[in-house]
């Protein structure tokens, strides 16, 4: 069962690279969620967690380069949003690999909630600037 589904109406930014990367991000998150709530081996969950977080870091860096290149006015606030989520992810990743945390349904819902807010509020706002 998918945790989150990309639709143009809800998540489309009209920025080609961003929409494509968001679709990949959603797929990776859904795979992690399915493994975690489906009782998969801890090693498989850890591998998918690492893959998802690495992809998120790459995606954020790509967005940030594009925003800076186009002089997007709200870059500092957008960057701060990214830094906050990366901090949460890095903490979870560290604790998971130390055996001190699990990837749970609540973790999935937290990330989903962040995306449900961030893409419509922050990413859609850069559409005009990045399409100039």
Protein backbone atom coordinates (compact mmCIF):
# COMPACT_ATOMS: atom_id res chain seq x y z
CA UNK A 1 0.00 0.00 0.00
CA UNK A 2 1.38 3.41 -0.94
CA UNK A 3 2.02 5.88 1.82
CA UNK A 4 2.03 8.83 -0.59
CA UNK A 5 1.01 9.23 -4.23
CA UNK A 6 2.34 11.94 -6.52
CA UNK A 7 -0.35 13.82 -8.41
CA UNK A 8 0.20 16.92 -10.53
CA UNK A 9 -2.67 18.68 -8.78
CA UNK A 10 -1.28 18.22 -5.27
CA UNK A 11 2.47 18.08 -5.86
CA UNK A 12 3.19 19.38 -9.37
CA UNK A 13 5.59 22.33 -9.47
CA UNK A 14 5.75 22.70 -13.26
CA UNK A 15 9.52 22.43 -12.92
CA UNK A 16 10.51 19.31 -14.86
CA UNK A 17 13.50 18.10 -12.85
CA UNK A 18 11.73 18.73 -9.53
CA UNK A 19 8.57 16.86 -10.47
CA UNK A 20 10.57 13.89 -11.77
CA UNK A 21 12.78 13.80 -8.68
CA UNK A 22 9.76 14.07 -6.39
CA UNK A 23 8.22 11.03 -8.12
CA UNK A 24 11.41 9.03 -7.49
CA UNK A 25 11.51 10.26 -3.89
CA UNK A 26 7.90 9.15 -3.36
CA UNK A 27 8.68 5.72 -4.84
CA UNK A 28 11.67 5.30 -2.52
CA UNK A 29 9.65 6.42 0.51
CA UNK A 30 6.81 4.05 -0.37
CA UNK A 31 9.26 1.17 -0.73
CA UNK A 32 10.79 1.92 2.67
CA UNK A 33 7.33 2.21 4.24
CA UNK A 34 6.22 -1.11 2.72
CA UNK A 35 9.36 -2.87 3.96
CA UNK A 36 9.05 -1.40 7.45
CA UNK A 37 5.37 -2.08 8.05
CA UNK A 38 5.54 -5.39 6.20
CA UNK A 39 8.02 -6.87 8.62
CA UNK A 40 10.97 -7.07 6.23
CA UNK A 41 14.45 -7.93 7.46
CA UNK A 42 16.16 -5.13 9.33
CA UNK A 43 19.00 -5.20 6.81
CA UNK A 44 16.59 -4.59 3.92
CA UNK A 45 14.96 -1.72 5.80
CA UNK A 46 18.37 -0.22 6.58
CA UNK A 47 19.48 -0.45 2.96
CA UNK A 48 16.30 1.27 1.76
CA UNK A 49 16.54 3.92 4.49
CA UNK A 50 20.10 4.72 3.42
CA UNK A 51 19.06 4.85 -0.24
CA UNK A 52 16.14 7.18 0.48
CA UNK A 53 18.18 9.56 2.62
CA UNK A 54 21.01 9.69 0.07
CA UNK A 55 18.46 10.51 -2.63
CA UNK A 56 16.83 13.22 -0.51
CA UNK A 57 20.24 14.85 0.07
CA UNK A 58 20.97 14.78 -3.69
CA UNK A 59 17.53 16.15 -4.54
CA UNK A 60 17.75 18.98 -2.03
CA UNK A 61 21.21 19.92 -3.31
CA UNK A 62 19.88 19.99 -6.89
CA UNK A 63 16.93 22.20 -5.91
CA UNK A 64 19.21 24.52 -3.97
CA UNK A 65 21.65 24.90 -6.89
CA UNK A 66 18.78 25.76 -9.21
CA UNK A 67 17.26 28.24 -6.76
CA UNK A 68 20.61 29.97 -6.27
CA UNK A 69 21.32 30.06 -10.01
CA UNK A 70 17.97 31.77 -10.63
CA UNK A 71 18.24 34.09 -7.62
CA UNK A 72 15.09 32.74 -5.97
CA UNK A 73 14.10 35.27 -3.30
CA UNK A 74 12.95 32.74 -0.68
CA UNK A 75 16.06 30.55 -0.89
CA UNK A 76 17.11 31.04 2.79
CA UNK A 77 13.75 29.84 4.17
CA UNK A 78 13.64 26.97 1.70
CA UNK A 79 17.19 25.90 2.59
CA UNK A 80 16.26 26.01 6.30
CA UNK A 81 13.37 23.61 5.62
CA UNK A 82 15.78 21.23 3.89
CA UNK A 83 18.33 21.44 6.71
CA UNK A 84 15.65 20.64 9.28
CA UNK A 85 14.45 17.51 7.48
CA UNK A 86 18.00 16.30 6.79
CA UNK A 87 18.71 16.66 10.51
CA UNK A 88 15.69 14.52 11.40
CA UNK A 89 16.66 11.92 8.78
CA UNK A 90 20.31 11.81 9.84
CA UNK A 91 19.29 11.32 13.47
CA UNK A 92 16.92 8.49 12.56
CA UNK A 93 19.54 6.89 10.31
CA UNK A 94 22.20 7.01 13.04
CA UNK A 95 19.85 5.62 15.69
CA UNK A 96 18.47 2.94 13.35
CA UNK A 97 21.94 1.61 12.54
CA UNK A 98 22.88 1.71 16.23
CA UNK A 99 19.80 -0.40 17.04
CA UNK A 100 18.25 2.47 19.00
CA UNK A 101 15.31 3.24 16.67
CA UNK A 102 13.00 1.60 14.18
CA UNK A 103 11.35 2.77 10.99
CA UNK A 104 7.70 2.74 12.04
CA UNK A 105 4.38 3.80 10.61
CA UNK A 106 4.74 7.00 12.65
CA UNK A 107 8.06 7.75 10.95
CA UNK A 108 6.40 7.27 7.56
CA UNK A 109 3.54 9.57 8.54
CA UNK A 110 5.99 12.21 9.76
CA UNK A 111 7.82 12.26 6.42
CA UNK A 112 4.55 12.18 4.49
CA UNK A 113 3.26 15.12 6.52
CA UNK A 114 6.45 17.06 5.83
CA UNK A 115 6.12 16.44 2.08
CA UNK A 116 2.39 17.23 2.14
CA UNK A 117 3.30 20.66 3.54
CA UNK A 118 6.68 21.36 1.93
CA UNK A 119 5.99 20.71 -1.74
CA UNK A 120 2.75 22.70 -2.03
CA UNK A 121 3.95 25.55 0.20
CA UNK A 122 7.67 25.83 -0.59
CA UNK A 123 8.40 24.01 -3.86
CA UNK A 124 5.45 25.34 -5.84
CA UNK A 125 6.62 28.83 -4.84
CA UNK A 126 9.82 28.49 -6.90
CA UNK A 127 8.02 27.54 -10.10
CA UNK A 128 8.06 30.95 -11.76
CA UNK A 129 11.64 31.71 -10.74
CA UNK A 130 13.04 28.39 -11.91
CA UNK A 131 11.12 28.52 -15.20
CA UNK A 132 12.53 31.95 -16.13
